[in-house]
PDB file of N, CA and C in Angstrom:
ATOM      1  N   UNK A   1      60.154 -21.949 -35.071  1.00  0.00           N
ATOM      2  CA  UNK A   1      61.484 -21.379 -35.000  1.00  0.00           C
ATOM      3  C   UNK A   1      62.504 -22.500 -34.835  1.00  0.00           C
ATOM      4  N   UNK A   2      63.591 -22.413 -35.552  1.00  0.00           N
ATOM      5  CA  UNK A   2      64.617 -23.440 -35.509  1.00  0.00           C
ATOM      6  C   UNK A   2      65.388 -23.365 -34.190  1.00  0.00           C
ATOM      7  N   UNK A   3      65.844 -24.517 -33.759  1.00  0.00           N
ATOM      8  CA  UNK A   3      66.595 -24.597 -32.515  1.00  0.00           C
ATOM      9  C   UNK A   3      68.061 -24.223 -32.795  1.00  0.00           C
ATOM     10  N   UNK A   4      68.616 -23.342 -31.966  1.00  0.00           N
ATOM     11  CA  UNK A   4      70.014 -22.949 -32.136  1.00  0.00           C
ATOM     12  C   UNK A   4      70.924 -24.041 -31.605  1.00  0.00           C
ATOM     13  N   UNK A   5      71.946 -24.334 -32.355  1.00  0.00           N
ATOM     14  CA  UNK A   5      72.920 -25.312 -31.879  1.00  0.00           C
ATOM     15  C   UNK A   5      73.922 -24.610 -30.972  1.00  0.00           C
ATOM     16  N   UNK A   6      74.583 -25.396 -30.155  1.00  0.00           N
ATOM     17  CA  UNK A   6      75.551 -24.804 -29.239  1.00  0.00           C
ATOM     18  C   UNK A   6      76.727 -24.204 -30.013  1.00  0.00           C
ATOM     19  N   UNK A   7      77.093 -24.804 -31.153  1.00  0.00           N
ATOM     20  CA  UNK A   7      78.208 -24.258 -31.934  1.00  0.00           C
ATOM     21  C   UNK A   7      77.829 -22.907 -32.543  1.00  0.00           C
ATOM     22  N   UNK A   8      76.566 -22.757 -32.932  1.00  0.00           N
ATOM     23  CA  UNK A   8      76.118 -21.474 -33.476  1.00  0.00           C
ATOM     24  C   UNK A   8      76.108 -20.413 -32.391  1.00  0.00           C
ATOM     25  N   UNK A   9      75.712 -20.793 -31.198  1.00  0.00           N
ATOM     26  CA  UNK A   9      75.716 -19.841 -30.083  1.00  0.00           C
ATOM     27  C   UNK A   9      77.138 -19.407 -29.749  1.00  0.00           C
ATOM     28  N   UNK A  10      78.065 -20.370 -29.764  1.00  0.00           N
ATOM     29  CA  UNK A  10      79.465 -20.055 -29.481  1.00  0.00           C
ATOM     30  C   UNK A  10      80.023 -19.129 -30.562  1.00  0.00           C
ATOM     31  N   UNK A  11      79.726 -19.427 -31.811  1.00  0.00           N
ATOM     32  CA  UNK A  11      80.202 -18.607 -32.912  1.00  0.00           C
ATOM     33  C   UNK A  11      79.666 -17.176 -32.774  1.00  0.00           C
ATOM     34  N   UNK A  12      78.428 -17.066 -32.371  1.00  0.00           N
ATOM     35  CA  UNK A  12      77.827 -15.735 -32.177  1.00  0.00           C
ATOM     36  C   UNK A  12      78.537 -14.972 -31.050  1.00  0.00           C
ATOM     37  N   UNK A  13      78.820 -15.657 -29.945  1.00  0.00           N
ATOM     38  CA  UNK A  13      79.543 -15.039 -28.829  1.00  0.00           C
ATOM     39  C   UNK A  13      80.925 -14.564 -29.289  1.00  0.00           C
ATOM     40  N   UNK A  14      81.614 -15.430 -30.037  1.00  0.00           N
ATOM     41  CA  UNK A  14      82.960 -15.088 -30.491  1.00  0.00           C
ATOM     42  C   UNK A  14      82.945 -13.885 -31.429  1.00  0.00           C
ATOM     43  N   UNK A  15      81.997 -13.891 -32.344  1.00  0.00           N
ATOM     44  CA  UNK A  15      81.941 -12.788 -33.306  1.00  0.00           C
ATOM     45  C   UNK A  15      81.596 -11.480 -32.604  1.00  0.00           C
ATOM     46  N   UNK A  16      80.759 -11.541 -31.592  1.00  0.00           N
ATOM     47  CA  UNK A  16      80.397 -10.344 -30.838  1.00  0.00           C
ATOM     48  C   UNK A  16      81.606  -9.803 -30.078  1.00  0.00           C
ATOM     49  N   UNK A  17      82.397 -10.686 -29.473  1.00  0.00           N
ATOM     50  CA  UNK A  17      83.614 -10.265 -28.767  1.00  0.00           C
ATOM     51  C   UNK A  17      84.595  -9.628 -29.732  1.00  0.00           C
ATOM     52  N   UNK A  18      84.789 -10.245 -30.901  1.00  0.00           N
ATOM     53  CA  UNK A  18      85.704  -9.700 -31.904  1.00  0.00           C
ATOM     54  C   UNK A  18      85.222  -8.337 -32.403  1.00  0.00           C
ATOM     55  N   UNK A  19      83.913  -8.213 -32.622  1.00  0.00           N
ATOM     56  CA  UNK A  19      83.355  -6.957 -33.103  1.00  0.00           C
ATOM     57  C   UNK A  19      83.646  -5.827 -32.120  1.00  0.00           C
ATOM     58  N   UNK A  20      83.473  -6.108 -30.833  1.00  0.00           N
ATOM     59  CA  UNK A  20      83.712  -5.086 -29.820  1.00  0.00           C
ATOM     60  C   UNK A  20      85.195  -4.713 -29.727  1.00  0.00           C
ATOM     61  N   UNK A  21      86.080  -5.721 -29.826  1.00  0.00           N
ATOM     62  CA  UNK A  21      87.516  -5.438 -29.792  1.00  0.00           C
ATOM     63  C   UNK A  21      87.939  -4.629 -31.012  1.00  0.00           C
ATOM     64  N   UNK A  22      87.430  -5.019 -32.191  1.00  0.00           N
ATOM     65  CA  UNK A  22      87.766  -4.302 -33.422  1.00  0.00           C
ATOM     66  C   UNK A  22      87.256  -2.863 -33.369  1.00  0.00           C
ATOM     67  N   UNK A  23      86.070  -2.703 -32.819  1.00  0.00           N
ATOM     68  CA  UNK A  23      85.477  -1.374 -32.687  1.00  0.00           C
ATOM     69  C   UNK A  23      86.352  -0.493 -31.798  1.00  0.00           C
ATOM     70  N   UNK A  24      86.863  -1.064 -30.715  1.00  0.00           N
ATOM     71  CA  UNK A  24      87.719  -0.316 -29.794  1.00  0.00           C
ATOM     72  C   UNK A  24      89.018   0.102 -30.468  1.00  0.00           C
ATOM     73  N   UNK A  25      89.602  -0.800 -31.251  1.00  0.00           N
ATOM     74  CA  UNK A  25      90.864  -0.487 -31.934  1.00  0.00           C
ATOM     75  C   UNK A  25      90.641   0.603 -32.991  1.00  0.00           C
ATOM     76  N   UNK A  26      89.561   0.482 -33.770  1.00  0.00           N
ATOM     77  CA  UNK A  26      89.257   1.502 -34.783  1.00  0.00           C
ATOM     78  C   UNK A  26      89.033   2.861 -34.134  1.00  0.00           C
ATOM     79  N   UNK A  27      88.334   2.859 -33.025  1.00  0.00           N
ATOM     80  CA  UNK A  27      88.072   4.093 -32.306  1.00  0.00           C
ATOM     81  C   UNK A  27      89.376   4.712 -31.804  1.00  0.00           C
ATOM     82  N   UNK A  28      90.271   3.875 -31.322  1.00  0.00           N
ATOM     83  CA  UNK A  28      91.557   4.336 -30.826  1.00  0.00           C
ATOM     84  C   UNK A  28      92.374   4.975 -31.953  1.00  0.00           C
ATOM     85  N   UNK A  29      92.331   4.366 -33.132  1.00  0.00           N
ATOM     86  CA  UNK A  29      93.045   4.916 -34.287  1.00  0.00           C
ATOM     87  C   UNK A  29      92.476   6.281 -34.648  1.00  0.00           C
ATOM     88  N   UNK A  30      91.150   6.365 -34.724  1.00  0.00           N
ATOM     89  CA  UNK A  30      90.503   7.628 -35.083  1.00  0.00           C
ATOM     90  C   UNK A  30      90.812   8.728 -34.057  1.00  0.00           C
ATOM     91  N   UNK A  31      90.796   8.356 -32.781  1.00  0.00           N
ATOM     92  CA  UNK A  31      91.079   9.318 -31.720  1.00  0.00           C
ATOM     93  C   UNK A  31      92.511   9.825 -31.813  1.00  0.00           C
ATOM     94  N   UNK A  32      93.452   8.930 -32.086  1.00  0.00           N
ATOM     95  CA  UNK A  32      94.847   9.348 -32.176  1.00  0.00           C
ATOM     96  C   UNK A  32      95.069  10.264 -33.378  1.00  0.00           C
ATOM     97  N   UNK A  33      94.351  10.032 -34.485  1.00  0.00           N
ATOM     98  CA  UNK A  33      94.455  10.909 -35.648  1.00  0.00           C
ATOM     99  C   UNK A  33      93.904  12.290 -35.311  1.00  0.00           C
ATOM    100  N   UNK A  34      92.769  12.335 -34.632  1.00  0.00           N
ATOM    101  CA  UNK A  34      92.178  13.616 -34.232  1.00  0.00           C
ATOM    102  C   UNK A  34      93.112  14.371 -33.286  1.00  0.00           C
ATOM    103  N   UNK A  35      93.728  13.630 -32.381  1.00  0.00           N
ATOM    104  CA  UNK A  35      94.649  14.234 -31.423  1.00  0.00           C
ATOM    105  C   UNK A  35      95.846  14.846 -32.153  1.00  0.00           C
ATOM    106  N   UNK A  36      96.380  14.116 -33.140  1.00  0.00           N
ATOM    107  CA  UNK A  36      97.518  14.607 -33.912  1.00  0.00           C
ATOM    108  C   UNK A  36      97.136  15.863 -34.696  1.00  0.00           C
ATOM    109  N   UNK A  37      95.963  15.839 -35.323  1.00  0.00           N
ATOM    110  CA  UNK A  37      95.521  17.006 -36.101  1.00  0.00           C
ATOM    111  C   UNK A  37      95.335  18.227 -35.205  1.00  0.00           C
ATOM    112  N   UNK A  38      94.826  18.010 -34.004  1.00  0.00           N
ATOM    113  CA  UNK A  38      94.626  19.122 -33.063  1.00  0.00           C
ATOM    114  C   UNK A  38      95.963  19.740 -32.674  1.00  0.00           C
ATOM    115  N   UNK A  39      96.969  18.909 -32.443  1.00  0.00           N
ATOM    116  CA  UNK A  39      98.291  19.414 -32.076  1.00  0.00           C
ATOM    117  C   UNK A  39      98.946  20.093 -33.272  1.00  0.00           C
ATOM    118  N   UNK A  40      98.700  19.557 -34.474  1.00  0.00           N
ATOM    119  CA  UNK A  40      99.245  20.179 -35.682  1.00  0.00           C
ATOM    120  C   UNK A  40      98.658  21.571 -35.886  1.00  0.00           C
ATOM    121  N   UNK A  41      97.398  21.755 -35.505  1.00  0.00           N
ATOM    122  CA  UNK A  41      96.768  23.071 -35.594  1.00  0.00           C
ATOM    123  C   UNK A  41      97.469  24.086 -34.692  1.00  0.00           C
ATOM    124  N   UNK A  42      97.949  23.594 -33.528  1.00  0.00           N
ATOM    125  CA  UNK A  42      98.660  24.463 -32.581  1.00  0.00           C
ATOM    126  C   UNK A  42     100.077  24.772 -33.039  1.00  0.00           C
ATOM    127  N   UNK A  43     100.559  23.997 -34.033  1.00  0.00           N
ATOM    128  CA  UNK A  43     101.916  24.131 -34.588  1.00  0.00           C
ATOM    129  C   UNK A  43     103.007  23.860 -33.543  1.00  0.00           C
ATOM    130  N   UNK A  44     102.780  22.843 -32.733  1.00  0.00           N
ATOM    131  CA  UNK A  44     103.758  22.422 -31.731  1.00  0.00           C
ATOM    132  C   UNK A  44     104.475  21.178 -32.252  1.00  0.00           C
ATOM    133  N   UNK A  45     105.633  21.367 -32.878  1.00  0.00           N
ATOM    134  CA  UNK A  45     106.342  20.266 -33.546  1.00  0.00           C
ATOM    135  C   UNK A  45     106.863  19.227 -32.551  1.00  0.00           C
ATOM    136  N   UNK A  46     107.294  19.658 -31.392  1.00  0.00           N
ATOM    137  CA  UNK A  46     107.835  18.723 -30.408  1.00  0.00           C
ATOM    138  C   UNK A  46     106.806  17.733 -29.912  1.00  0.00           C
ATOM    139  N   UNK A  47     105.664  18.251 -29.521  1.00  0.00           N
ATOM    140  CA  UNK A  47     104.589  17.378 -29.041  1.00  0.00           C
ATOM    141  C   UNK A  47     103.980  16.579 -30.183  1.00  0.00           C
ATOM    142  N   UNK A  48     103.948  17.189 -31.376  1.00  0.00           N
ATOM    143  CA  UNK A  48     103.375  16.510 -32.544  1.00  0.00           C
ATOM    144  C   UNK A  48     104.172  15.255 -32.894  1.00  0.00           C
ATOM    145  N   UNK A  49     105.476  15.321 -32.714  1.00  0.00           N
ATOM    146  CA  UNK A  49     106.312  14.155 -33.039  1.00  0.00           C
ATOM    147  C   UNK A  49     105.987  12.973 -32.123  1.00  0.00           C
ATOM    148  N   UNK A  50     105.788  13.244 -30.854  1.00  0.00           N
ATOM    149  CA  UNK A  50     105.454  12.188 -29.888  1.00  0.00           C
ATOM    150  C   UNK A  50     104.106  11.564 -30.238  1.00  0.00           C
ATOM    151  N   UNK A  51     103.122  12.418 -30.499  1.00  0.00           N
ATOM    152  CA  UNK A  51     101.780  11.935 -30.828  1.00  0.00           C
ATOM    153  C   UNK A  51     101.786  11.227 -32.177  1.00  0.00           C
ATOM    154  N   UNK A  52     102.605  11.729 -33.118  1.00  0.00           N
ATOM    155  CA  UNK A  52     102.706  11.113 -34.447  1.00  0.00           C
ATOM    156  C   UNK A  52     103.200   9.671 -34.343  1.00  0.00           C
ATOM    157  N   UNK A  53     104.224   9.463 -33.548  1.00  0.00           N
ATOM    158  CA  UNK A  53     104.767   8.101 -33.389  1.00  0.00           C
ATOM    159  C   UNK A  53     103.741   7.156 -32.783  1.00  0.00           C
ATOM    160  N   UNK A  54     103.020   7.647 -31.787  1.00  0.00           N
ATOM    161  CA  UNK A  54     101.981   6.836 -31.158  1.00  0.00           C
ATOM    162  C   UNK A  54     100.879   6.508 -32.155  1.00  0.00           C
ATOM    163  N   UNK A  55     100.504   7.485 -32.966  1.00  0.00           N
ATOM    164  CA  UNK A  55      99.455   7.295 -33.966  1.00  0.00           C
ATOM    165  C   UNK A  55      99.875   6.254 -35.004  1.00  0.00           C
ATOM    166  N   UNK A  56     101.106   6.358 -35.488  1.00  0.00           N
ATOM    167  CA  UNK A  56     101.601   5.409 -36.490  1.00  0.00           C
ATOM    168  C   UNK A  56     101.628   3.992 -35.914  1.00  0.00           C
ATOM    169  N   UNK A  57     102.008   3.883 -34.663  1.00  0.00           N
ATOM    170  CA  UNK A  57     102.047   2.576 -34.009  1.00  0.00           C
ATOM    171  C   UNK A  57     100.645   1.965 -33.945  1.00  0.00           C
ATOM    172  N   UNK A  58      99.656   2.777 -33.598  1.00  0.00           N
ATOM    173  CA  UNK A  58      98.275   2.280 -33.522  1.00  0.00           C
ATOM    174  C   UNK A  58      97.762   1.877 -34.897  1.00  0.00           C
ATOM    175  N   UNK A  59      98.072   2.673 -35.914  1.00  0.00           N
ATOM    176  CA  UNK A  59      97.628   2.352 -37.271  1.00  0.00           C
ATOM    177  C   UNK A  59      98.274   1.055 -37.745  1.00  0.00           C
ATOM    178  N   UNK A  60      99.577   0.912 -37.508  1.00  0.00           N
ATOM    179  CA  UNK A  60     100.280  -0.316 -37.922  1.00  0.00           C
ATOM    180  C   UNK A  60      99.727  -1.543 -37.207  1.00  0.00           C
ATOM    181  N   UNK A  61      99.439  -1.404 -35.935  1.00  0.00           N
ATOM    182  CA  UNK A  61      98.897  -2.530 -35.163  1.00  0.00           C
ATOM    183  C   UNK A  61      97.540  -2.947 -35.710  1.00  0.00           C
ATOM    184  N   UNK A  62      96.697  -1.973 -36.007  1.00  0.00           N
ATOM    185  CA  UNK A  62      95.374  -2.268 -36.553  1.00  0.00           C
ATOM    186  C   UNK A  62      95.481  -2.949 -37.910  1.00  0.00           C
ATOM    187  N   UNK A  63      96.428  -2.508 -38.734  1.00  0.00           N
ATOM    188  CA  UNK A  63      96.616  -3.115 -40.052  1.00  0.00           C
ATOM    189  C   UNK A  63      97.156  -4.537 -39.930  1.00  0.00           C
ATOM    190  N   UNK A  64      98.058  -4.728 -38.990  1.00  0.00           N
ATOM    191  CA  UNK A  64      98.649  -6.047 -38.790  1.00  0.00           C
ATOM    192  C   UNK A  64      97.601  -7.054 -38.314  1.00  0.00           C
ATOM    193  N   UNK A  65      96.675  -6.597 -37.492  1.00  0.00           N
ATOM    194  CA  UNK A  65      95.616  -7.469 -36.991  1.00  0.00           C
ATOM    195  C   UNK A  65      94.512  -7.685 -38.019  1.00  0.00           C
ATOM    196  N   UNK A  66      94.538  -6.900 -39.103  1.00  0.00           N
ATOM    197  CA  UNK A  66      93.525  -7.043 -40.134  1.00  0.00           C
ATOM    198  C   UNK A  66      92.255  -6.256 -39.847  1.00  0.00           C
ATOM    199  N   UNK A  67      92.316  -5.349 -38.898  1.00  0.00           N
ATOM    200  CA  UNK A  67      91.145  -4.551 -38.543  1.00  0.00           C
ATOM    201  C   UNK A  67      90.914  -3.475 -39.600  1.00  0.00           C
ATOM    202  N   UNK A  68      92.009  -2.881 -40.076  1.00  0.00           N
ATOM    203  CA  UNK A  68      91.917  -2.013 -41.244  1.00  0.00           C
ATOM    204  C   UNK A  68      92.847  -2.593 -42.307  1.00  0.00           C
ATOM    205  N   UNK A  69      92.550  -2.302 -43.562  1.00  0.00           N
ATOM    206  CA  UNK A  69      93.363  -2.857 -44.646  1.00  0.00           C
ATOM    207  C   UNK A  69      94.718  -2.170 -44.694  1.00  0.00           C
ATOM    208  N   UNK A  70      95.699  -2.872 -45.232  1.00  0.00           N
ATOM    209  CA  UNK A  70      97.059  -2.354 -45.276  1.00  0.00           C
ATOM    210  C   UNK A  70      97.168  -1.081 -46.117  1.00  0.00           C
ATOM    211  N   UNK A  71      96.443  -1.034 -47.226  1.00  0.00           N
ATOM    212  CA  UNK A  71      96.479   0.175 -48.057  1.00  0.00           C
ATOM    213  C   UNK A  71      95.822   1.359 -47.353  1.00  0.00           C
ATOM    214  N   UNK A  72      94.778   1.087 -46.594  1.00  0.00           N
ATOM    215  CA  UNK A  72      94.125   2.142 -45.819  1.00  0.00           C
ATOM    216  C   UNK A  72      95.098   2.687 -44.785  1.00  0.00           C
ATOM    217  N   UNK A  73      95.812   1.802 -44.133  1.00  0.00           N
ATOM    218  CA  UNK A  73      96.799   2.216 -43.131  1.00  0.00           C
ATOM    219  C   UNK A  73      97.896   3.048 -43.792  1.00  0.00           C
ATOM    220  N   UNK A  74      98.374   2.608 -44.945  1.00  0.00           N
ATOM    221  CA  UNK A  74      99.424   3.336 -45.653  1.00  0.00           C
ATOM    222  C   UNK A  74      98.938   4.724 -46.065  1.00  0.00           C
ATOM    223  N   UNK A  75      97.692   4.804 -46.528  1.00  0.00           N
ATOM    224  CA  UNK A  75      97.132   6.088 -46.946  1.00  0.00           C
ATOM    225  C   UNK A  75      97.017   7.050 -45.759  1.00  0.00           C
ATOM    226  N   UNK A  76      96.516   6.546 -44.638  1.00  0.00           N
ATOM    227  CA  UNK A  76      96.376   7.388 -43.442  1.00  0.00           C
ATOM    228  C   UNK A  76      97.744   7.884 -42.955  1.00  0.00           C
ATOM    229  N   UNK A  77      98.709   6.970 -42.909  1.00  0.00           N
ATOM    230  CA  UNK A  77     100.046   7.339 -42.456  1.00  0.00           C
ATOM    231  C   UNK A  77     100.677   8.353 -43.398  1.00  0.00           C
ATOM    232  N   UNK A  78     100.484   8.157 -44.700  1.00  0.00           N
ATOM    233  CA  UNK A  78     101.058   9.059 -45.687  1.00  0.00           C
ATOM    234  C   UNK A  78     100.501  10.468 -45.530  1.00  0.00           C
ATOM    235  N   UNK A  79      99.207  10.577 -45.369  1.00  0.00           N
ATOM    236  CA  UNK A  79      98.582  11.890 -45.218  1.00  0.00           C
ATOM    237  C   UNK A  79      99.029  12.585 -43.941  1.00  0.00           C
ATOM    238  N   UNK A  80      99.134  11.815 -42.866  1.00  0.00           N
ATOM    239  CA  UNK A  80      99.551  12.404 -41.600  1.00  0.00           C
ATOM    240  C   UNK A  80     101.036  12.774 -41.641  1.00  0.00           C
ATOM    241  N   UNK A  81     101.829  11.980 -42.346  1.00  0.00           N
ATOM    242  CA  UNK A  81     103.258  12.270 -42.460  1.00  0.00           C
ATOM    243  C   UNK A  81     103.470  13.541 -43.271  1.00  0.00           C
ATOM    244  N   UNK A  82     102.653  13.721 -44.286  1.00  0.00           N
ATOM    245  CA  UNK A  82     102.707  14.937 -45.091  1.00  0.00           C
ATOM    246  C   UNK A  82     102.420  16.163 -44.216  1.00  0.00           C
ATOM    247  N   UNK A  83     101.399  16.059 -43.382  1.00  0.00           N
ATOM    248  CA  UNK A  83     101.048  17.137 -42.463  1.00  0.00           C
ATOM    249  C   UNK A  83     102.179  17.388 -41.465  1.00  0.00           C
ATOM    250  N   UNK A  84     102.764  16.312 -40.976  1.00  0.00           N
ATOM    251  CA  UNK A  84     103.864  16.413 -40.020  1.00  0.00           C
ATOM    252  C   UNK A  84     105.071  17.115 -40.649  1.00  0.00           C
ATOM    253  N   UNK A  85     105.373  16.769 -41.912  1.00  0.00           N
ATOM    254  CA  UNK A  85     106.517  17.390 -42.597  1.00  0.00           C
ATOM    255  C   UNK A  85     106.297  18.881 -42.834  1.00  0.00           C
ATOM    256  N   UNK A  86     105.074  19.257 -43.181  1.00  0.00           N
ATOM    257  CA  UNK A  86     104.799  20.685 -43.358  1.00  0.00           C
ATOM    258  C   UNK A  86     104.938  21.433 -42.031  1.00  0.00           C
ATOM    259  N   UNK A  87     104.563  20.749 -40.960  1.00  0.00           N
ATOM    260  CA  UNK A  87     104.679  21.343 -39.624  1.00  0.00           C
ATOM    261  C   UNK A  87     106.155  21.549 -39.259  1.00  0.00           C
ATOM    262  N   UNK A  88     106.980  20.561 -39.583  1.00  0.00           N
ATOM    263  CA  UNK A  88     108.404  20.650 -39.248  1.00  0.00           C
ATOM    264  C   UNK A  88     109.099  21.732 -40.084  1.00  0.00           C
ATOM    265  N   UNK A  89     108.742  21.819 -41.362  1.00  0.00           N
ATOM    266  CA  UNK A  89     109.407  22.811 -42.215  1.00  0.00           C
ATOM    267  C   UNK A  89     108.969  24.239 -41.889  1.00  0.00           C
ATOM    268  N   UNK A  90     107.778  24.374 -41.328  1.00  0.00           N
ATOM    269  CA  UNK A  90     107.283  25.705 -40.964  1.00  0.00           C
ATOM    270  C   UNK A  90     108.086  26.305 -39.823  1.00  0.00           C
ATOM    271  N   UNK A  91     108.677  25.471 -39.002  1.00  0.00           N
ATOM    272  CA  UNK A  91     109.447  25.985 -37.856  1.00  0.00           C
ATOM    273  C   UNK A  91     110.892  26.057 -38.139  1.00  0.00           C
TER     274      UNK A  91
END
């Protein structure tokens, strides 16, 4: 078995830390989308607007950090904005 160099061990530690942070951010984005959809089901436009802004902020942050691609972020925001607009016009 080959001997691991200290730089390889450090690189492995760094990549593991990044993986866990990225996983947390992706999970946060998914959770905020689920939360928004749940509120949209209740047809509560006031609360939906607050959650919508928080969701968009999380998606933009993830895209800016490169955790999700910019087009993916735009697609998610577009779909949620469409849902939000239908919710607003219904009331």
